[in-house]
C-alpha atoms as a PDB file:
ATOM      1  CA  MET A   1       3.708   5.384   7.198  1.00  0.00           C
ATOM      2  CA  GLY A   2       3.291   4.081  10.061  1.00  0.00           C
ATOM      3  CA  ILE A   3      -0.154   4.886  10.325  1.00  0.00           C
ATOM      4  CA  ILE A   4      -0.341   3.676   7.063  1.00  0.00           C
ATOM      5  CA  CYS A   5       0.970  -0.227   7.985  1.00  0.00           C
ATOM      6  CA  ILE A   6      -0.894  -0.621  10.974  1.00  0.00           C
ATOM      7  CA  TYR A   7      -4.661  -0.397   9.294  1.00  0.00           C
ATOM      8  CA  SER A   8      -3.050  -2.530   6.783  1.00  0.00           C
ATOM      9  CA  ILE A   9      -2.554  -5.131   9.429  1.00  0.00           C
ATOM     10  CA  ILE A  10      -5.712  -4.697  10.415  1.00  0.00           C
ATOM     11  CA  GLU A  11      -7.434  -4.736   7.151  1.00  0.00           C
ATOM     12  CA  ILE A  12      -5.576  -8.508   6.245  1.00  0.00           C
ATOM     13  CA  PHE A  13      -6.826  -9.663   9.650  1.00  0.00           C
ATOM     14  CA  TYR A  14      -9.931  -8.253   8.498  1.00  0.00           C
ATOM     15  CA  PHE A  15      -9.838 -10.040   5.863  1.00  0.00           C
ATOM     16  CA  SER A  16      -8.878 -13.646   7.431  1.00  0.00           C
ATOM     17  CA  GLY A  17     -11.982 -13.574   9.359  1.00  0.00           C
ATOM     18  CA  SER A  18     -11.316 -12.117  11.893  1.00  0.00           C
ATOM     19  CA  ILE A  19     -14.654  -9.926  14.121  1.00  0.00           C
ATOM     20  CA  LEU A  20     -12.079  -7.268  16.684  1.00  0.00           C
ATOM     21  CA  ALA A  21     -10.610  -6.548  13.558  1.00  0.00           C
ATOM     22  CA  LYS A  22     -13.934  -5.931  11.431  1.00  0.00           C
ATOM     23  CA  ASN A  23     -14.808  -4.243  14.943  1.00  0.00           C
ATOM     24  CA  ILE A  24     -12.029  -1.806  14.385  1.00  0.00           C
ATOM     25  CA  LEU A  25     -12.339  -1.282  11.366  1.00  0.00           C
ATOM     26  CA  ALA A  26     -15.983  -0.172  11.459  1.00  0.00           C
ATOM     27  CA  ASN A  27     -15.472   2.645  14.731  1.00  0.00           C
ATOM     28  CA  ILE A  28     -12.404   4.007  12.661  1.00  0.00           C
ATOM     29  CA  ASN A  29     -13.328   4.063   8.523  1.00  0.00           C
ATOM     30  CA  PRO A  30     -16.781   6.930  10.188  1.00  0.00           C
ATOM     31  CA  PHE A  31     -13.318   9.082  11.483  1.00  0.00           C
ATOM     32  CA  ILE A  32     -11.415   9.009   7.760  1.00  0.00           C
ATOM     33  CA  TYR A  33     -14.096   9.018   5.470  1.00  0.00           C
ATOM     34  CA  ASP A  34     -17.281  11.576   4.783  1.00  0.00           C
ATOM     35  CA  LEU A  35     -19.039   8.250   4.326  1.00  0.00           C
ATOM     36  CA  TYR A  36     -22.252  10.353   3.237  1.00  0.00           C
ATOM     37  CA  THR A  37     -22.179  12.976   0.697  1.00  0.00           C
ATOM     38  CA  ASN A  38     -25.028  14.200  -0.226  1.00  0.00           C
ATOM     39  CA  GLY A  39     -26.960  11.275   0.547  1.00  0.00           C
ATOM     40  CA  ARG A  40     -24.534   8.238  -0.944  1.00  0.00           C
ATOM     41  CA  ASN A  41     -22.918   5.910   0.932  1.00  0.00           C
ATOM     42  CA  TYR A  42     -18.802   6.354  -0.763  1.00  0.00           C
ATOM     43  CA  PRO A  43     -16.473   5.342   0.198  1.00  0.00           C
ATOM     44  CA  PRO A  44     -18.679   2.317   1.534  1.00  0.00           C
ATOM     45  CA  LEU A  45     -17.730   1.534   5.214  1.00  0.00           C
ATOM     46  CA  PHE A  46     -16.079  -1.707   4.174  1.00  0.00           C
ATOM     47  CA  TRP A  47     -14.033  -1.951   1.110  1.00  0.00           C
ATOM     48  CA  TYR A  48     -15.434  -4.754  -1.581  1.00  0.00           C
ATOM     49  CA  ALA A  49     -14.164  -8.208  -3.147  1.00  0.00           C
ATOM     50  CA  SER A  50     -11.162  -7.647   0.049  1.00  0.00           C
ATOM     51  CA  SER A  51      -8.846  -4.897  -2.312  1.00  0.00           C
ATOM     52  CA  MET A  52      -6.664  -3.532   0.499  1.00  0.00           C
ATOM     53  CA  ARG A  53      -6.790   0.947   0.422  1.00  0.00           C
ATOM     54  CA  SER A  54      -5.816   1.063   3.642  1.00  0.00           C
ATOM     55  CA  ILE A  55      -6.912   4.637   5.023  1.00  0.00           C
ATOM     56  CA  PHE A  56      -7.407   6.085   1.311  1.00  0.00           C
ATOM     57  CA  ILE A  57     -10.572   6.777  -0.592  1.00  0.00           C
ATOM     58  CA  GLU A  58     -10.217   3.487  -3.197  1.00  0.00           C
ATOM     59  CA  PRO A  59      -7.437   0.905  -3.679  1.00  0.00           C
ATOM     60  CA  SER A  60      -5.638   2.018  -7.297  1.00  0.00           C
ATOM     61  CA  HIS A  61      -5.185   5.245  -4.675  1.00  0.00           C
ATOM     62  CA  PHE A  62      -3.609   3.156  -2.155  1.00  0.00           C
ATOM     63  CA  GLY A  63      -1.702   0.947  -5.193  1.00  0.00           C
ATOM     64  CA  MET A  64      -0.537   4.854  -6.265  1.00  0.00           C
ATOM     65  CA  TYR A  65       0.586   6.330  -2.992  1.00  0.00           C
ATOM     66  CA  THR A  66       2.925   3.134  -3.226  1.00  0.00           C
ATOM     67  CA  ALA A  67       4.821   2.458  -5.954  1.00  0.00           C
ATOM     68  CA  PHE A  68       5.815   6.075  -5.990  1.00  0.00           C
ATOM     69  CA  ILE A  69       6.999   5.511  -2.598  1.00  0.00           C
ATOM     70  CA  MET A  70       8.725   2.121  -3.677  1.00  0.00           C
ATOM     71  CA  PRO A  71      11.407   5.100  -5.932  1.00  0.00           C
ATOM     72  CA  ILE A  72      12.491   6.732  -2.765  1.00  0.00           C
ATOM     73  CA  LEU A  73      13.129   3.349  -0.613  1.00  0.00           C
ATOM     74  CA  TRP A  74      15.113   1.093  -3.337  1.00  0.00           C
ATOM     75  CA  TYR A  75      16.887   4.301  -3.536  1.00  0.00           C
ATOM     76  CA  GLU A  76      17.432   4.223   0.309  1.00  0.00           C
ATOM     77  CA  ILE A  77      18.578   1.157   0.308  1.00  0.00           C
ATOM     78  CA  ILE A  78      21.118   1.184  -2.239  1.00  0.00           C
ATOM     79  CA  LYS A  79      22.090   4.785  -0.691  1.00  0.00           C
ATOM     80  CA  ASP A  80      22.064   3.480   3.598  1.00  0.00           C
ATOM     81  CA  LYS A  81      24.461   1.025   5.800  1.00  0.00           C
ATOM     82  CA  ASN A  82      21.887  -0.058   7.600  1.00  0.00           C
ATOM     83  CA  LYS A  83      19.565  -1.352   5.035  1.00  0.00           C
ATOM     84  CA  THR A  84      17.403  -3.609   6.963  1.00  0.00           C
ATOM     85  CA  CYS A  85      14.589  -1.454   7.868  1.00  0.00           C
ATOM     86  CA  PHE A  86      14.417  -0.308   4.240  1.00  0.00           C
ATOM     87  CA  ILE A  87      14.028  -3.943   2.504  1.00  0.00           C
ATOM     88  CA  PHE A  88      11.956  -4.233   5.423  1.00  0.00           C
ATOM     89  CA  VAL A  89       9.284  -1.798   4.077  1.00  0.00           C
ATOM     90  CA  ALA A  90       9.980  -2.643   1.227  1.00  0.00           C
ATOM     91  CA  LEU A  91       8.972  -5.837   0.849  1.00  0.00           C
ATOM     92  CA  ILE A  92       5.613  -4.520   3.590  1.00  0.00           C
ATOM     93  CA  LEU A  93       4.879  -2.584   1.149  1.00  0.00           C
ATOM     94  CA  SER A  94       5.163  -5.089  -1.829  1.00  0.00           C
ATOM     95  CA  PHE A  95       2.672  -7.306  -0.630  1.00  0.00           C
ATOM     96  CA  PHE A  96       0.763  -4.322   0.071  1.00  0.00           C
ATOM     97  CA  ILE A  97       0.686  -3.432  -3.577  1.00  0.00           C
ATOM     98  CA  PHE A  98       0.197  -6.804  -4.334  1.00  0.00           C
ATOM     99  CA  MET A  99      -3.390  -7.202  -1.984  1.00  0.00           C
ATOM    100  CA  THR A 100      -4.745  -3.999  -3.727  1.00  0.00           C
ATOM    101  CA  LYS A 101      -5.310  -5.541  -6.699  1.00  0.00           C
ATOM    102  CA  ALA A 102      -4.855  -2.294  -8.607  1.00  0.00           C
ATOM    103  CA  ARG A 103      -3.698  -3.673 -12.376  1.00  0.00           C
ATOM    104  CA  THR A 104      -2.471   0.291 -12.621  1.00  0.00           C
ATOM    105  CA  ALA A 105      -0.034   0.273  -9.307  1.00  0.00           C
ATOM    106  CA  THR A 106       0.952  -3.834 -10.124  1.00  0.00           C
ATOM    107  CA  LEU A 107       2.339  -2.785 -13.435  1.00  0.00           C
ATOM    108  CA  LEU A 108       3.478   0.776 -12.786  1.00  0.00           C
ATOM    109  CA  VAL A 109       6.304  -1.011 -10.236  1.00  0.00           C
ATOM    110  CA  LEU A 110       7.063  -3.844 -12.685  1.00  0.00           C
ATOM    111  CA  GLY A 111       8.150  -0.818 -15.116  1.00  0.00           C
ATOM    112  CA  GLU A 112       9.864   0.904 -12.857  1.00  0.00           C
ATOM    113  CA  LEU A 113      11.819  -2.234 -11.824  1.00  0.00           C
ATOM    114  CA  CYS A 114      12.944  -2.134 -15.181  1.00  0.00           C
ATOM    115  CA  LEU A 115      14.375   0.673 -14.904  1.00  0.00           C
ATOM    116  CA  PHE A 116      16.195   0.719 -11.550  1.00  0.00           C
ATOM    117  CA  THR A 117      17.705  -3.145 -12.899  1.00  0.00           C
ATOM    118  CA  ILE A 118      18.295  -1.155 -16.570  1.00  0.00           C
ATOM    119  CA  LEU A 119      19.936   2.006 -14.266  1.00  0.00           C
ATOM    120  CA  LEU A 120      22.183  -0.140 -11.704  1.00  0.00           C
ATOM    121  CA  LEU A 121      23.252  -1.911 -14.920  1.00  0.00           C
ATOM    122  CA  TYR A 122      24.386   0.711 -16.511  1.00  0.00           C
ATOM    123  CA  PHE A 123      26.348   2.762 -13.118  1.00  0.00           C
ATOM    124  CA  TYR A 124      27.253  -0.481 -11.579  1.00  0.00           C
ATOM    125  CA  GLY A 125      28.334  -2.729 -14.017  1.00  0.00           C
ATOM    126  CA  LYS A 126      31.143  -0.168 -15.139  1.00  0.00           C
END
């Protein structure tokens, strides 16, 4: 999780126009992605239209990963006594889902949030 967050923060600086972040990503990405397979350039060195993809091949994959992690974080927030760390990570991942611009991941998190609210009202309302 730490690697994903660090890479994503560098990517946010790249989106804001940082030349240093662009150089870092240009040096790191060839080690993460197989950029030239069968004579085509996919995935590209830098993703199009400033959608965050982190270490995943596409922004939608990153969005789905973070959407599936969110219920685990919510469970840890409810269960654990020290909630600060999990709340911070949940907020960061929510921001990352927004930055992916992936519709499926956004709708999945909204559905999970509705289900989470219903379950909280049912179990803690008694």
